[in-house]
PDB file of N, CA and C in Angstrom:
ATOM      1  N   MET A   1      67.805  72.277  65.838  1.00  0.00           N
ATOM      2  CA  MET A   1      68.622  73.420  66.203  1.00  0.00           C
ATOM      3  C   MET A   1      67.788  74.646  66.548  1.00  0.00           C
ATOM      4  N   SER A   2      66.677  74.827  65.848  1.00  0.00           N
ATOM      5  CA  SER A   2      65.860  76.000  66.128  1.00  0.00           C
ATOM      6  C   SER A   2      65.227  75.914  67.509  1.00  0.00           C
ATOM      7  N   ASN A   3      65.160  74.720  68.105  1.00  0.00           N
ATOM      8  CA  ASN A   3      64.606  74.574  69.451  1.00  0.00           C
ATOM      9  C   ASN A   3      65.558  75.089  70.523  1.00  0.00           C
ATOM     10  N   LEU A   4      66.849  75.226  70.207  1.00  0.00           N
ATOM     11  CA  LEU A   4      67.822  75.678  71.192  1.00  0.00           C
ATOM     12  C   LEU A   4      67.737  77.172  71.455  1.00  0.00           C
ATOM     13  N   VAL A   5      67.285  77.938  70.486  1.00  0.00           N
ATOM     14  CA  VAL A   5      67.245  79.392  70.644  1.00  0.00           C
ATOM     15  C   VAL A   5      66.330  79.814  71.790  1.00  0.00           C
ATOM     16  N   PRO A   6      65.103  79.324  71.884  1.00  0.00           N
ATOM     17  CA  PRO A   6      64.272  79.717  73.031  1.00  0.00           C
ATOM     18  C   PRO A   6      64.844  79.252  74.371  1.00  0.00           C
ATOM     19  N   VAL A   7      65.479  78.081  74.390  1.00  0.00           N
ATOM     20  CA  VAL A   7      66.052  77.578  75.637  1.00  0.00           C
ATOM     21  C   VAL A   7      67.190  78.477  76.090  1.00  0.00           C
ATOM     22  N   ILE A   8      68.046  78.867  75.169  1.00  0.00           N
ATOM     23  CA  ILE A   8      69.183  79.727  75.510  1.00  0.00           C
ATOM     24  C   ILE A   8      68.694  81.110  75.918  1.00  0.00           C
ATOM     25  N   SER A   9      67.742  81.669  75.172  1.00  0.00           N
ATOM     26  CA  SER A   9      67.294  83.033  75.456  1.00  0.00           C
ATOM     27  C   SER A   9      66.475  83.115  76.739  1.00  0.00           C
ATOM     28  N   ASN A  10      65.855  82.041  77.174  1.00  0.00           N
ATOM     29  CA  ASN A  10      65.084  82.056  78.415  1.00  0.00           C
ATOM     30  C   ASN A  10      65.971  82.023  79.647  1.00  0.00           C
ATOM     31  N   ASN A  11      67.197  81.565  79.517  1.00  0.00           N
ATOM     32  CA  ASN A  11      68.086  81.432  80.668  1.00  0.00           C
ATOM     33  C   ASN A  11      69.010  82.619  80.850  1.00  0.00           C
ATOM     34  N   ILE A  12      68.882  83.662  80.050  1.00  0.00           N
ATOM     35  CA  ILE A  12      69.763  84.820  80.165  1.00  0.00           C
ATOM     36  C   ILE A  12      69.274  85.692  81.315  1.00  0.00           C
ATOM     37  N   GLU A  13      70.182  86.004  82.218  1.00  0.00           N
ATOM     38  CA  GLU A  13      69.852  86.886  83.333  1.00  0.00           C
ATOM     39  C   GLU A  13      70.533  88.226  83.109  1.00  0.00           C
ATOM     40  N   VAL A  14      69.768  89.274  83.195  1.00  0.00           N
ATOM     41  CA  VAL A  14      70.307  90.619  83.005  1.00  0.00           C
ATOM     42  C   VAL A  14      70.536  91.224  84.382  1.00  0.00           C
ATOM     43  N   PRO A  15      71.766  91.613  84.690  1.00  0.00           N
ATOM     44  CA  PRO A  15      72.024  92.198  86.010  1.00  0.00           C
ATOM     45  C   PRO A  15      71.335  93.551  86.136  1.00  0.00           C
ATOM     46  N   THR A  16      70.771  93.808  87.301  1.00  0.00           N
ATOM     47  CA  THR A  16      70.063  95.066  87.517  1.00  0.00           C
ATOM     48  C   THR A  16      70.918  96.073  88.275  1.00  0.00           C
ATOM     49  N   PHE A  17      72.144  95.693  88.622  1.00  0.00           N
ATOM     50  CA  PHE A  17      73.021  96.582  89.372  1.00  0.00           C
ATOM     51  C   PHE A  17      73.504  97.709  88.477  1.00  0.00           C
ATOM     52  N   ILE A  18      73.280  98.932  88.907  1.00  0.00           N
ATOM     53  CA  ILE A  18      73.780 100.105  88.192  1.00  0.00           C
ATOM     54  C   ILE A  18      74.772 100.788  89.120  1.00  0.00           C
ATOM     55  N   PRO A  19      76.034 100.890  88.716  1.00  0.00           N
ATOM     56  CA  PRO A  19      77.029 101.481  89.618  1.00  0.00           C
ATOM     57  C   PRO A  19      76.745 102.961  89.869  1.00  0.00           C
ATOM     58  N   SER A  20      77.004 103.379  91.083  1.00  0.00           N
ATOM     59  CA  SER A  20      76.825 104.792  91.399  1.00  0.00           C
ATOM     60  C   SER A  20      77.958 105.598  90.771  1.00  0.00           C
ATOM     61  N   ARG A  21      77.797 106.902  90.778  1.00  0.00           N
ATOM     62  CA  ARG A  21      78.825 107.759  90.175  1.00  0.00           C
ATOM     63  C   ARG A  21      80.136 107.666  90.934  1.00  0.00           C
ATOM     64  N   ALA A  22      80.064 107.515  92.256  1.00  0.00           N
ATOM     65  CA  ALA A  22      81.290 107.411  93.058  1.00  0.00           C
ATOM     66  C   ALA A  22      82.058 106.146  92.702  1.00  0.00           C
ATOM     67  N   LEU A  23      81.340 105.029  92.568  1.00  0.00           N
ATOM     68  CA  LEU A  23      82.012 103.786  92.201  1.00  0.00           C
ATOM     69  C   LEU A  23      82.624 103.886  90.815  1.00  0.00           C
ATOM     70  N   THR A  24      81.936 104.566  89.924  1.00  0.00           N
ATOM     71  CA  THR A  24      82.453 104.722  88.567  1.00  0.00           C
ATOM     72  C   THR A  24      83.725 105.568  88.583  1.00  0.00           C
ATOM     73  N   ARG A  25      83.711 106.648  89.376  1.00  0.00           N
ATOM     74  CA  ARG A  25      84.916 107.485  89.466  1.00  0.00           C
ATOM     75  C   ARG A  25      86.089 106.710  90.042  1.00  0.00           C
ATOM     76  N   ASN A  26      85.831 105.942  91.094  1.00  0.00           N
ATOM     77  CA  ASN A  26      86.906 105.136  91.689  1.00  0.00           C
ATOM     78  C   ASN A  26      87.418 104.105  90.695  1.00  0.00           C
ATOM     79  N   GLY A  27      86.518 103.525  89.924  1.00  0.00           N
ATOM     80  CA  GLY A  27      86.948 102.561  88.913  1.00  0.00           C
ATOM     81  C   GLY A  27      87.826 103.208  87.864  1.00  0.00           C
ATOM     82  N   ILE A  28      87.473 104.429  87.474  1.00  0.00           N
ATOM     83  CA  ILE A  28      88.287 105.150  86.492  1.00  0.00           C
ATOM     84  C   ILE A  28      89.656 105.465  87.081  1.00  0.00           C
ATOM     85  N   ARG A  29      89.679 105.917  88.348  1.00  0.00           N
ATOM     86  CA  ARG A  29      90.970 106.221  88.989  1.00  0.00           C
ATOM     87  C   ARG A  29      91.829 104.965  89.087  1.00  0.00           C
ATOM     88  N   ASN A  30      91.220 103.865  89.490  1.00  0.00           N
ATOM     89  CA  ASN A  30      91.978 102.617  89.615  1.00  0.00           C
ATOM     90  C   ASN A  30      92.508 102.166  88.266  1.00  0.00           C
ATOM     91  N   ARG A  31      91.692 102.322  87.232  1.00  0.00           N
ATOM     92  CA  ARG A  31      92.134 101.933  85.890  1.00  0.00           C
ATOM     93  C   ARG A  31      93.299 102.807  85.445  1.00  0.00           C
ATOM     94  N   ARG A  32      93.207 104.105  85.723  1.00  0.00           N
ATOM     95  CA  ARG A  32      94.305 105.011  85.341  1.00  0.00           C
ATOM     96  C   ARG A  32      95.587 104.648  86.056  1.00  0.00           C
ATOM     97  N   SER A  33      95.500 104.382  87.360  1.00  0.00           N
ATOM     98  CA  SER A  33      96.720 104.059  88.101  1.00  0.00           C
ATOM     99  C   SER A  33      97.304 102.729  87.629  1.00  0.00           C
ATOM    100  N   MET A  34      96.453 101.774  87.292  1.00  0.00           N
ATOM    101  CA  MET A  34      96.958 100.506  86.765  1.00  0.00           C
ATOM    102  C   MET A  34      97.631 100.720  85.415  1.00  0.00           C
ATOM    103  N   LEU A  35      97.036 101.571  84.590  1.00  0.00           N
ATOM    104  CA  LEU A  35      97.614 101.849  83.280  1.00  0.00           C
ATOM    105  C   LEU A  35      98.953 102.557  83.424  1.00  0.00           C
ATOM    106  N   ARG A  36      99.018 103.538  84.330  1.00  0.00           N
ATOM    107  CA  ARG A  36     100.298 104.221  84.574  1.00  0.00           C
ATOM    108  C   ARG A  36     101.352 103.242  85.064  1.00  0.00           C
ATOM    109  N   GLY A  37     100.945 102.377  85.979  1.00  0.00           N
ATOM    110  CA  GLY A  37     101.881 101.397  86.518  1.00  0.00           C
ATOM    111  C   GLY A  37     102.404 100.454  85.455  1.00  0.00           C
ATOM    112  N   ALA A  38     101.573 100.146  84.474  1.00  0.00           N
ATOM    113  CA  ALA A  38     102.007  99.242  83.409  1.00  0.00           C
ATOM    114  C   ALA A  38     102.847  99.965  82.368  1.00  0.00           C
ATOM    115  N   LEU A  39     102.524 101.223  82.095  1.00  0.00           N
ATOM    116  CA  LEU A  39     103.224 101.947  81.031  1.00  0.00           C
ATOM    117  C   LEU A  39     104.517 102.608  81.483  1.00  0.00           C
ATOM    118  N   TRP A  40     104.660 102.871  82.774  1.00  0.00           N
ATOM    119  CA  TRP A  40     105.843 103.582  83.253  1.00  0.00           C
ATOM    120  C   TRP A  40     107.140 102.819  82.958  1.00  0.00           C
ATOM    121  N   PRO A  41     107.262 101.528  83.233  1.00  0.00           N
ATOM    122  CA  PRO A  41     108.509 100.822  82.887  1.00  0.00           C
ATOM    123  C   PRO A  41     108.780 100.813  81.378  1.00  0.00           C
ATOM    124  N   ILE A  42     107.723 100.725  80.583  1.00  0.00           N
ATOM    125  CA  ILE A  42     107.905 100.750  79.126  1.00  0.00           C
ATOM    126  C   ILE A  42     108.415 102.116  78.687  1.00  0.00           C
ATOM    127  N   ALA A  43     107.864 103.178  79.273  1.00  0.00           N
ATOM    128  CA  ALA A  43     108.302 104.531  78.919  1.00  0.00           C
ATOM    129  C   ALA A  43     109.759 104.750  79.328  1.00  0.00           C
ATOM    130  N   LYS A  44     110.135 104.290  80.526  1.00  0.00           N
ATOM    131  CA  LYS A  44     111.529 104.440  80.968  1.00  0.00           C
ATOM    132  C   LYS A  44     112.474 103.687  80.053  1.00  0.00           C
ATOM    133  N   ALA A  45     112.104 102.482  79.655  1.00  0.00           N
ATOM    134  CA  ALA A  45     112.952 101.697  78.763  1.00  0.00           C
ATOM    135  C   ALA A  45     113.069 102.366  77.397  1.00  0.00           C
ATOM    136  N   ALA A  46     111.982 102.946  76.903  1.00  0.00           N
ATOM    137  CA  ALA A  46     112.017 103.626  75.607  1.00  0.00           C
ATOM    138  C   ALA A  46     112.928 104.844  75.663  1.00  0.00           C
ATOM    139  N   VAL A  47     112.864 105.594  76.753  1.00  0.00           N
ATOM    140  CA  VAL A  47     113.742 106.766  76.906  1.00  0.00           C
ATOM    141  C   VAL A  47     115.195 106.326  76.994  1.00  0.00           C
ATOM    142  N   ALA A  48     115.467 105.268  77.735  1.00  0.00           N
ATOM    143  CA  ALA A  48     116.847 104.789  77.878  1.00  0.00           C
ATOM    144  C   ALA A  48     117.384 104.301  76.533  1.00  0.00           C
ATOM    145  N   LEU A  49     116.580 103.554  75.797  1.00  0.00           N
ATOM    146  CA  LEU A  49     117.035 103.067  74.488  1.00  0.00           C
ATOM    147  C   LEU A  49     117.228 104.207  73.494  1.00  0.00           C
ATOM    148  N   THR A  50     116.359 105.208  73.562  1.00  0.00           N
ATOM    149  CA  THR A  50     116.515 106.371  72.690  1.00  0.00           C
ATOM    150  C   THR A  50     117.801 107.114  73.029  1.00  0.00           C
ATOM    151  N   ALA A  51     118.097 107.263  74.329  1.00  0.00           N
ATOM    152  CA  ALA A  51     119.321 107.954  74.747  1.00  0.00           C
ATOM    153  C   ALA A  51     120.551 107.188  74.252  1.00  0.00           C
ATOM    154  N   VAL A  52     120.547 105.875  74.362  1.00  0.00           N
ATOM    155  CA  VAL A  52     121.686 105.068  73.894  1.00  0.00           C
ATOM    156  C   VAL A  52     121.823 105.213  72.382  1.00  0.00           C
ATOM    157  N   PHE A  53     120.717 105.163  71.673  1.00  0.00           N
ATOM    158  CA  PHE A  53     120.752 105.285  70.208  1.00  0.00           C
ATOM    159  C   PHE A  53     121.297 106.652  69.784  1.00  0.00           C
ATOM    160  N   VAL A  54     120.830 107.707  70.424  1.00  0.00           N
ATOM    161  CA  VAL A  54     121.297 109.058  70.069  1.00  0.00           C
ATOM    162  C   VAL A  54     122.776 109.220  70.429  1.00  0.00           C
ATOM    163  N   ARG A  55     123.185 108.675  71.574  1.00  0.00           N
ATOM    164  CA  ARG A  55     124.588 108.780  71.974  1.00  0.00           C
ATOM    165  C   ARG A  55     125.482 108.046  70.971  1.00  0.00           C
ATOM    166  N   GLU A  56     125.067 106.872  70.530  1.00  0.00           N
ATOM    167  CA  GLU A  56     125.855 106.125  69.543  1.00  0.00           C
ATOM    168  C   GLU A  56     125.865 106.828  68.193  1.00  0.00           C
ATOM    169  N   LEU A  57     124.760 107.494  67.882  1.00  0.00           N
ATOM    170  CA  LEU A  57     124.668 108.178  66.598  1.00  0.00           C
ATOM    171  C   LEU A  57     125.557 109.423  66.570  1.00  0.00           C
ATOM    172  N   LEU A  58     125.612 110.163  67.681  1.00  0.00           N
ATOM    173  CA  LEU A  58     126.341 111.422  67.712  1.00  0.00           C
ATOM    174  C   LEU A  58     127.811 111.261  68.064  1.00  0.00           C
ATOM    175  N   PHE A  59     128.161 110.271  68.851  1.00  0.00           N
ATOM    176  CA  PHE A  59     129.560 110.163  69.307  1.00  0.00           C
ATOM    177  C   PHE A  59     130.262 108.976  68.752  1.00  0.00           C
TER     178      PHE A  59
END
């Protein structure tokens, strides 16, 4: 088993690509828009359920 460690560690390739600041900013923007797109239906449903709950509670 100890012979596998050098074999595994010799085959690891480290990527040398470093993203530029512009690519990083675009990635952050894309991540934000994806997150908004995923959370918006959940937020609308939560507001609708809260409104129904409050209406049933008060009336």
